[in-house]
N, C-alpha and C. Protein backbone atom coordinates (compact mmCIF):
# COMPACT_ATOMS: atom_id res chain seq x y z
N MET A 1 6.89 -1.85 64.49
CA MET A 1 5.73 -1.36 65.12
C MET A 1 4.14 -1.46 64.47
N ILE A 2 3.33 -1.89 65.26
CA ILE A 2 1.99 -2.25 64.70
C ILE A 2 1.16 -1.14 65.27
N GLU A 3 0.38 -0.30 64.20
CA GLU A 3 -0.43 0.65 64.58
C GLU A 3 -1.67 0.42 63.58
N LYS A 4 -2.70 1.43 64.04
CA LYS A 4 -3.77 1.53 63.26
C LYS A 4 -3.52 2.40 62.20
N LEU A 5 -4.14 2.20 60.99
CA LEU A 5 -3.65 2.81 60.01
C LEU A 5 -5.07 3.84 59.59
N GLU A 6 -4.68 4.75 59.19
CA GLU A 6 -5.74 5.75 58.59
C GLU A 6 -5.94 5.75 57.17
N HIS A 7 -6.87 4.53 57.04
CA HIS A 7 -7.08 4.13 55.66
C HIS A 7 -7.79 5.20 54.68
N THR A 8 -8.80 6.24 55.54
CA THR A 8 -9.44 6.99 54.50
C THR A 8 -8.34 8.15 53.97
N ASN A 9 -7.27 8.15 54.37
CA ASN A 9 -5.92 9.08 54.06
C ASN A 9 -5.88 8.76 52.74
N PRO A 10 -5.93 9.17 51.49
CA PRO A 10 -5.48 8.29 50.36
C PRO A 10 -4.15 7.99 50.18
N ASP A 11 -3.07 8.72 50.95
CA ASP A 11 -1.49 8.49 50.87
C ASP A 11 -1.49 6.83 51.80
N ILE A 12 -2.17 6.95 52.75
CA ILE A 12 -2.11 5.66 53.56
C ILE A 12 -2.72 4.42 52.58
N ALA A 13 -4.04 4.79 52.13
CA ALA A 13 -4.55 3.81 51.30
C ALA A 13 -3.77 3.08 50.28
N GLU A 14 -2.99 4.13 49.86
CA GLU A 14 -2.52 3.51 48.45
C GLU A 14 -1.18 2.82 49.31
N LEU A 15 -0.66 3.20 50.30
CA LEU A 15 0.14 1.79 50.99
C LEU A 15 -0.33 0.72 51.36
N ILE A 16 -1.77 0.63 51.81
CA ILE A 16 -2.42 -0.60 51.95
C ILE A 16 -2.54 -1.24 50.35
N TYR A 17 -3.00 -0.58 49.83
CA TYR A 17 -3.38 -1.21 48.30
C TYR A 17 -2.23 -1.88 48.06
N LYS A 18 -0.76 -1.38 47.72
CA LYS A 18 0.28 -1.78 47.43
C LYS A 18 0.62 -3.32 48.18
N VAL A 19 0.45 -3.08 49.59
CA VAL A 19 0.56 -4.45 50.48
C VAL A 19 -0.18 -5.60 49.75
N PHE A 20 -1.44 -4.86 49.61
CA PHE A 20 -2.64 -6.15 49.53
C PHE A 20 -2.05 -6.64 47.97
N GLN A 21 -1.61 -5.90 47.08
CA GLN A 21 -1.34 -6.38 45.59
C GLN A 21 -0.12 -7.34 45.83
N VAL A 22 0.85 -6.91 46.27
CA VAL A 22 1.78 -7.87 46.21
C VAL A 22 1.76 -9.29 46.92
N SER A 23 0.99 -9.08 48.26
CA SER A 23 0.72 -10.07 48.97
C SER A 23 -0.32 -11.12 48.23
N TYR A 24 -1.31 -10.52 47.52
CA TYR A 24 -2.44 -11.50 47.31
C TYR A 24 -1.98 -12.20 46.00
N ALA A 25 -1.26 -11.08 45.29
CA ALA A 25 -0.61 -11.94 43.90
C ALA A 25 0.07 -13.22 44.19
N VAL A 26 0.70 -13.38 45.16
CA VAL A 26 1.26 -14.69 45.69
C VAL A 26 0.07 -15.63 45.93
N GLU A 27 -0.81 -15.43 46.84
CA GLU A 27 -2.06 -16.13 47.10
C GLU A 27 -2.57 -16.73 45.76
N ALA A 28 -2.99 -15.52 45.01
CA ALA A 28 -3.56 -16.18 43.72
C ALA A 28 -2.70 -17.28 43.17
N LYS A 29 -1.35 -17.20 42.93
CA LYS A 29 -0.44 -17.97 42.22
C LYS A 29 -0.80 -19.49 43.32
N LEU A 30 -0.82 -19.33 44.43
CA LEU A 30 -0.46 -20.56 45.14
C LEU A 30 -2.29 -21.23 45.18
N LEU A 31 -3.03 -20.55 44.79
CA LEU A 31 -4.34 -21.00 44.78
C LEU A 31 -4.76 -21.23 43.53
N LYS A 32 -4.00 -21.05 42.57
CA LYS A 32 -4.06 -21.38 40.90
C LYS A 32 -5.65 -20.52 40.33
N ALA A 33 -5.41 -19.18 40.87
CA ALA A 33 -6.78 -18.57 40.92
C ALA A 33 -6.53 -17.90 39.23
N LYS A 34 -7.32 -17.69 38.70
CA LYS A 34 -7.69 -16.82 37.36
C LYS A 34 -8.37 -15.59 37.77
N ASP A 35 -9.42 -15.64 38.55
CA ASP A 35 -10.15 -14.55 38.81
C ASP A 35 -9.87 -14.66 40.55
N PHE A 36 -9.35 -13.38 40.93
CA PHE A 36 -9.06 -13.30 42.21
C PHE A 36 -9.54 -12.06 43.11
N PRO A 37 -10.71 -12.00 43.58
CA PRO A 37 -11.38 -10.73 43.96
C PRO A 37 -10.42 -9.67 44.81
N PRO A 38 -9.75 -10.34 45.58
CA PRO A 38 -8.66 -9.20 46.60
C PRO A 38 -8.08 -8.48 45.69
N LEU A 39 -7.53 -8.96 44.31
CA LEU A 39 -6.31 -8.17 43.64
C LEU A 39 -7.46 -7.24 42.85
N LYS A 40 -8.40 -6.98 43.08
CA LYS A 40 -9.32 -6.10 42.10
C LYS A 40 -9.83 -4.90 42.89
N ARG A 41 -9.33 -4.98 44.14
CA ARG A 41 -9.63 -3.78 45.05
C ARG A 41 -9.00 -2.53 44.60
N LYS A 42 -9.58 -1.23 44.77
CA LYS A 42 -8.94 -0.32 44.38
C LYS A 42 -8.55 0.67 45.38
N VAL A 43 -7.74 1.31 45.13
CA VAL A 43 -7.46 2.50 46.56
C VAL A 43 -8.65 3.15 47.03
N GLN A 44 -9.52 3.75 46.05
CA GLN A 44 -10.58 4.17 46.70
C GLN A 44 -11.61 3.29 47.59
N ASP A 45 -11.56 1.90 47.19
CA ASP A 45 -12.30 0.95 48.24
C ASP A 45 -11.79 0.83 49.52
N PHE A 46 -10.45 1.01 49.64
CA PHE A 46 -9.84 1.19 51.02
C PHE A 46 -10.16 2.37 51.75
N ILE A 47 -10.22 3.67 50.94
CA ILE A 47 -10.35 4.76 51.55
C ILE A 47 -11.80 4.84 52.11
N SER A 48 -13.16 4.09 51.37
CA SER A 48 -14.40 3.95 51.92
C SER A 48 -14.84 2.85 52.58
N CYS A 49 -13.61 1.90 52.84
CA CYS A 49 -14.07 0.65 53.70
C CYS A 49 -14.48 1.00 55.26
N LYS A 50 -15.27 0.54 55.87
CA LYS A 50 -15.50 0.25 57.29
C LYS A 50 -14.81 -0.37 58.00
N SER A 51 -13.76 -1.10 57.47
CA SER A 51 -13.10 -1.77 58.27
C SER A 51 -11.82 -0.97 58.95
N ASP A 52 -11.27 -1.81 60.04
CA ASP A 52 -10.45 -1.02 60.53
C ASP A 52 -9.07 -1.93 60.23
N PHE A 53 -7.87 -1.27 59.73
CA PHE A 53 -6.72 -1.68 59.18
C PHE A 53 -5.47 -1.20 60.38
N TYR A 54 -4.77 -2.52 60.29
CA TYR A 54 -3.57 -1.92 61.19
C TYR A 54 -2.33 -2.66 60.43
N GLY A 55 -1.17 -1.65 60.54
CA GLY A 55 -0.05 -2.16 59.89
C GLY A 55 0.86 -2.57 60.35
N LEU A 56 2.15 -3.42 60.36
CA LEU A 56 3.28 -3.31 60.72
C LEU A 56 4.51 -2.71 59.83
N TRP A 57 5.04 -1.79 60.36
CA TRP A 57 6.09 -1.26 59.72
C TRP A 57 7.33 -1.62 60.21
N LYS A 58 8.40 -1.69 59.25
CA LYS A 58 9.66 -2.14 59.31
C LYS A 58 10.47 -1.10 58.60
N HIS A 59 11.72 -0.43 59.32
CA HIS A 59 12.29 0.55 58.58
C HIS A 59 11.68 1.35 57.66
N GLN A 60 10.46 2.12 58.34
CA GLN A 60 9.64 3.10 58.05
C GLN A 60 8.87 2.44 56.38
N GLU A 61 8.95 1.24 56.38
CA GLU A 61 8.29 0.62 55.19
C GLU A 61 7.00 -0.20 55.92
N LEU A 62 5.82 -0.07 55.31
CA LEU A 62 4.62 -0.91 55.70
C LEU A 62 4.99 -2.22 54.96
N VAL A 63 4.94 -3.24 55.76
CA VAL A 63 5.29 -4.53 55.48
C VAL A 63 4.27 -5.66 55.62
N ALA A 64 3.13 -5.17 56.48
CA ALA A 64 2.28 -6.24 56.26
C ALA A 64 0.96 -5.42 57.14
N VAL A 65 -0.30 -5.82 56.68
CA VAL A 65 -1.66 -5.34 56.87
C VAL A 65 -2.45 -6.35 57.60
N THR A 66 -3.25 -5.99 58.23
CA THR A 66 -4.44 -7.01 58.84
C THR A 66 -5.74 -5.99 58.56
N GLU A 67 -7.00 -6.43 58.20
CA GLU A 67 -8.15 -5.77 57.88
C GLU A 67 -9.04 -6.30 58.79
N ILE A 68 -9.79 -5.78 59.93
CA ILE A 68 -10.55 -6.50 61.02
C ILE A 68 -12.03 -6.22 60.80
N LYS A 69 -12.93 -6.83 60.74
CA LYS A 69 -14.48 -6.16 60.77
C LYS A 69 -14.97 -6.53 62.03
N GLN A 70 -15.47 -5.82 62.62
CA GLN A 70 -16.07 -6.18 64.03
C GLN A 70 -17.44 -6.19 63.90
N PHE A 71 -18.15 -7.18 64.63
CA PHE A 71 -19.62 -7.51 64.72
C PHE A 71 -19.94 -7.33 66.03
N ASP A 72 -21.41 -7.51 66.21
CA ASP A 72 -21.67 -7.75 67.80
C ASP A 72 -20.99 -8.73 68.48
N ALA A 73 -21.13 -9.81 68.00
CA ALA A 73 -20.54 -11.46 68.92
C ALA A 73 -19.14 -12.06 68.23
N SER A 74 -19.06 -11.08 67.21
CA SER A 74 -17.58 -11.67 66.60
C SER A 74 -16.84 -10.58 66.05
N VAL A 75 -15.48 -10.96 65.68
CA VAL A 75 -14.56 -10.37 65.15
C VAL A 75 -13.90 -11.29 63.88
N HIS A 76 -14.18 -10.65 62.51
CA HIS A 76 -13.86 -11.38 61.24
C HIS A 76 -12.58 -10.84 60.85
N ILE A 77 -11.54 -11.38 60.74
CA ILE A 77 -9.91 -11.01 60.11
C ILE A 77 -10.37 -11.31 58.70
N GLN A 78 -10.61 -10.15 57.99
CA GLN A 78 -11.00 -10.09 56.77
C GLN A 78 -9.62 -10.29 55.77
N SER A 79 -8.51 -9.79 56.35
CA SER A 79 -7.34 -9.91 55.54
C SER A 79 -5.98 -9.72 56.39
N MET A 80 -5.44 -10.76 55.93
CA MET A 80 -4.02 -10.74 56.67
C MET A 80 -2.66 -11.00 55.66
N VAL A 81 -2.27 -9.80 55.21
CA VAL A 81 -1.35 -9.75 54.20
C VAL A 81 0.04 -9.22 54.68
N VAL A 82 1.38 -9.97 54.25
CA VAL A 82 2.55 -9.50 54.07
C VAL A 82 3.43 -9.50 52.89
N VAL A 83 4.15 -8.47 52.84
CA VAL A 83 5.05 -8.34 51.72
C VAL A 83 6.00 -9.69 51.51
N PRO A 84 5.94 -10.11 50.35
CA PRO A 84 6.66 -11.51 50.37
C PRO A 84 8.32 -11.66 50.82
N GLU A 85 8.87 -10.43 50.54
CA GLU A 85 10.15 -10.39 50.79
C GLU A 85 10.36 -10.45 52.60
N TYR A 86 9.12 -10.57 53.23
CA TYR A 86 8.97 -10.68 54.70
C TYR A 86 8.25 -11.68 55.20
N PHE A 87 8.05 -12.87 54.37
CA PHE A 87 7.32 -13.92 54.87
C PHE A 87 8.10 -14.81 55.50
N ARG A 88 7.51 -15.51 56.54
CA ARG A 88 8.31 -16.63 57.26
C ARG A 88 8.96 -15.96 58.21
N GLN A 89 8.78 -14.73 58.92
CA GLN A 89 9.36 -14.16 59.76
C GLN A 89 8.57 -13.89 61.08
N GLY A 90 7.52 -14.24 61.02
CA GLY A 90 6.52 -14.07 62.20
C GLY A 90 5.56 -12.83 62.30
N ILE A 91 6.06 -12.17 61.24
CA ILE A 91 4.87 -11.08 61.14
C ILE A 91 3.61 -11.25 61.11
N ALA A 92 2.95 -12.05 60.63
CA ALA A 92 1.55 -12.51 60.65
C ALA A 92 1.13 -13.03 62.07
N GLN A 93 2.08 -13.81 62.92
CA GLN A 93 1.92 -13.85 64.10
C GLN A 93 1.86 -12.82 64.87
N GLN A 94 2.71 -11.86 64.86
CA GLN A 94 2.69 -10.50 65.65
C GLN A 94 1.06 -9.76 65.24
N LEU A 95 0.88 -9.85 64.08
CA LEU A 95 -0.36 -9.32 63.51
C LEU A 95 -1.65 -9.76 64.62
N ILE A 96 -1.64 -11.25 64.22
CA ILE A 96 -2.85 -11.83 64.71
C ILE A 96 -2.70 -12.05 66.34
N SER A 97 -1.59 -12.00 67.13
CA SER A 97 -1.52 -11.52 68.51
C SER A 97 -2.07 -10.32 68.79
N TYR A 98 -1.62 -9.22 68.11
CA TYR A 98 -2.16 -7.87 68.42
C TYR A 98 -3.54 -8.10 68.12
N VAL A 99 -4.13 -8.41 67.28
CA VAL A 99 -5.76 -8.38 67.24
C VAL A 99 -6.45 -9.16 68.33
N PHE A 100 -5.79 -10.39 68.87
CA PHE A 100 -6.40 -11.00 70.11
C PHE A 100 -6.19 -10.08 71.31
N GLU A 101 -5.47 -9.22 71.56
CA GLU A 101 -4.99 -8.50 72.55
C GLU A 101 -6.01 -7.24 72.60
N ASN A 102 -6.22 -6.74 71.06
CA ASN A 102 -7.09 -5.43 71.27
C ASN A 102 -8.48 -5.49 70.79
N TYR A 103 -8.90 -6.85 70.53
CA TYR A 103 -10.29 -7.14 70.54
C TYR A 103 -10.94 -7.89 71.34
N LYS A 104 -11.83 -7.69 72.15
CA LYS A 104 -12.58 -8.61 73.16
C LYS A 104 -13.63 -9.13 72.39
N THR A 105 -13.67 -10.20 72.25
CA THR A 105 -14.95 -10.70 71.70
C THR A 105 -15.21 -12.11 71.80
N GLU A 106 -16.41 -12.76 71.82
CA GLU A 106 -16.60 -14.38 71.79
C GLU A 106 -16.12 -15.14 70.80
N MET A 107 -16.14 -14.65 69.63
CA MET A 107 -15.51 -15.53 68.23
C MET A 107 -14.90 -14.69 67.45
N PHE A 108 -13.65 -15.24 67.09
CA PHE A 108 -12.86 -14.71 66.00
C PHE A 108 -13.14 -15.77 64.94
N THR A 109 -13.26 -15.19 63.52
CA THR A 109 -13.40 -15.69 62.40
C THR A 109 -12.46 -15.40 61.34
N VAL A 110 -12.36 -16.07 60.47
CA VAL A 110 -11.07 -16.01 59.31
C VAL A 110 -11.57 -17.02 58.10
N GLU A 111 -11.24 -16.34 56.93
CA GLU A 111 -11.39 -17.30 55.75
C GLU A 111 -10.01 -17.19 54.87
N THR A 112 -9.65 -18.46 54.17
CA THR A 112 -8.70 -18.51 53.33
C THR A 112 -9.06 -19.46 52.10
N GLY A 113 -8.21 -19.66 51.31
CA GLY A 113 -8.18 -20.54 49.98
C GLY A 113 -7.67 -21.72 50.98
N VAL A 114 -8.40 -23.08 50.41
CA VAL A 114 -8.27 -24.05 50.98
C VAL A 114 -6.63 -24.77 50.57
N ASP A 115 -5.71 -24.32 49.57
CA ASP A 115 -4.75 -24.65 49.44
C ASP A 115 -3.71 -23.35 49.71
N ASN A 116 -4.24 -22.53 50.59
CA ASN A 116 -3.19 -21.80 51.50
C ASN A 116 -2.48 -22.29 52.63
N LEU A 117 -1.86 -23.13 52.34
CA LEU A 117 -1.22 -23.87 53.85
C LEU A 117 -0.57 -23.19 54.98
N PRO A 118 0.12 -21.97 54.42
CA PRO A 118 0.83 -21.36 55.14
C PRO A 118 -0.13 -20.33 56.24
N ALA A 119 -1.25 -20.23 55.87
CA ALA A 119 -2.18 -19.31 56.39
C ALA A 119 -2.98 -20.49 57.44
N ILE A 120 -3.27 -21.46 56.66
CA ILE A 120 -4.22 -22.50 57.36
C ILE A 120 -3.34 -22.80 58.64
N LYS A 121 -1.93 -23.24 58.74
CA LYS A 121 -0.93 -23.43 59.66
C LYS A 121 -1.13 -22.46 60.83
N LEU A 122 -1.01 -21.22 60.18
CA LEU A 122 -1.11 -19.90 61.15
C LEU A 122 -2.12 -20.33 62.08
N TYR A 123 -3.54 -20.35 61.47
CA TYR A 123 -4.96 -20.26 62.10
C TYR A 123 -4.67 -21.08 63.00
N GLN A 124 -4.48 -22.59 62.55
CA GLN A 124 -4.38 -23.85 63.41
C GLN A 124 -3.57 -23.61 64.65
N LYS A 125 -2.68 -22.86 64.65
CA LYS A 125 -1.49 -22.78 65.47
C LYS A 125 -2.21 -21.73 66.50
N TYR A 126 -3.03 -21.14 66.32
CA TYR A 126 -3.77 -19.95 67.29
C TYR A 126 -5.44 -20.75 67.68
N ASP A 127 -5.37 -22.07 67.53
CA ASP A 127 -6.55 -22.88 68.13
C ASP A 127 -7.84 -22.29 67.20
N PHE A 128 -7.70 -21.91 65.84
CA PHE A 128 -8.59 -21.83 65.02
C PHE A 128 -9.21 -23.12 64.71
N ILE A 129 -10.61 -23.31 64.53
CA ILE A 129 -11.01 -24.75 64.14
C ILE A 129 -11.80 -24.63 62.84
N LEU A 130 -11.58 -25.29 61.89
CA LEU A 130 -12.27 -25.68 60.70
C LEU A 130 -13.72 -25.60 60.97
N VAL A 131 -14.51 -24.99 60.43
CA VAL A 131 -16.05 -25.04 60.62
C VAL A 131 -17.00 -25.11 59.14
N LYS A 132 -15.97 -24.83 57.75
CA LYS A 132 -16.81 -24.76 56.76
C LYS A 132 -15.92 -24.62 55.65
N GLU A 133 -16.14 -25.64 54.49
CA GLU A 133 -15.45 -25.45 53.27
C GLU A 133 -16.47 -25.47 52.04
N TRP A 134 -16.21 -24.92 51.04
CA TRP A 134 -17.29 -24.36 49.96
C TRP A 134 -16.45 -23.97 48.85
N ASP A 135 -16.94 -23.85 47.52
CA ASP A 135 -16.39 -23.59 46.37
C ASP A 135 -17.24 -22.12 46.34
N THR A 136 -16.20 -21.06 45.88
CA THR A 136 -16.79 -19.78 45.63
C THR A 136 -16.96 -19.65 43.93
N GLU A 137 -18.22 -18.93 43.36
CA GLU A 137 -18.52 -18.55 41.96
C GLU A 137 -17.39 -18.36 41.40
N PHE A 138 -16.28 -17.90 41.69
CA PHE A 138 -14.98 -17.56 41.09
C PHE A 138 -13.78 -18.45 41.03
N GLY A 139 -14.11 -19.87 41.24
CA GLY A 139 -13.58 -21.10 41.13
C GLY A 139 -12.57 -21.37 42.31
N ILE A 140 -12.69 -20.88 43.35
CA ILE A 140 -11.61 -21.05 44.28
C ILE A 140 -12.48 -21.72 45.60
N ARG A 141 -11.58 -22.97 46.19
CA ARG A 141 -12.18 -23.59 47.19
C ARG A 141 -11.58 -22.82 48.32
N LYS A 142 -12.53 -22.61 49.30
CA LYS A 142 -12.47 -21.82 50.54
C LYS A 142 -12.67 -22.62 51.91
N VAL A 143 -11.97 -22.05 52.94
CA VAL A 143 -12.29 -22.70 54.24
C VAL A 143 -12.38 -21.50 55.13
N ARG A 144 -13.24 -21.55 56.11
CA ARG A 144 -13.59 -20.79 57.26
C ARG A 144 -13.39 -21.67 58.52
N PHE A 145 -12.43 -20.62 59.48
CA PHE A 145 -12.26 -21.15 60.55
C PHE A 145 -12.97 -20.05 61.60
N GLU A 146 -13.18 -20.71 62.96
CA GLU A 146 -13.59 -20.19 63.75
C GLU A 146 -12.89 -20.20 65.42
N LYS A 147 -12.52 -19.41 66.30
CA LYS A 147 -11.97 -19.46 67.39
C LYS A 147 -12.82 -18.85 68.55
N ASN A 148 -13.42 -19.76 69.25
CA ASN A 148 -14.26 -19.51 70.34
C ASN A 148 -13.69 -19.14 71.50
N CYS A 149 -13.82 -18.05 72.28
CA CYS A 149 -13.17 -17.23 73.15
C CYS A 149 -13.65 -17.27 74.58
N HIS A 150 -14.57 -18.57 74.78
CA HIS A 150 -15.33 -18.47 75.90
C HIS A 150 -14.36 -19.26 76.95
């Protein structure tokens, strides 16, 4: 079941934090990142964040989270994280479909590391187009995708 998460609740923020930590640890390894900013977020960062968070629950366990930032003319998928034990079960697809159904916008955007092939394949499956590639100050090559909804 997917539901909006009340991330300002410290208990919910703690659950979000734990999913981010285990998922982003895998991505950091995949990207060979020594310094990976998503792993530096604290529970308090989630509590005070202005984004929307949606979670997918299985057996009363939060197993995936997406973080959404809404702008005037676009929606940015800030994060799409799944607990590693639930990788390759279509969970990220369920979340991304949920976002498309619940956010009406002209443009969706998302960014990931250039070596995160599972994420890139997911976004390409949903007709996201590569629009930018760059190096970050923390040594990770990133890519940005856009999906035009006209």
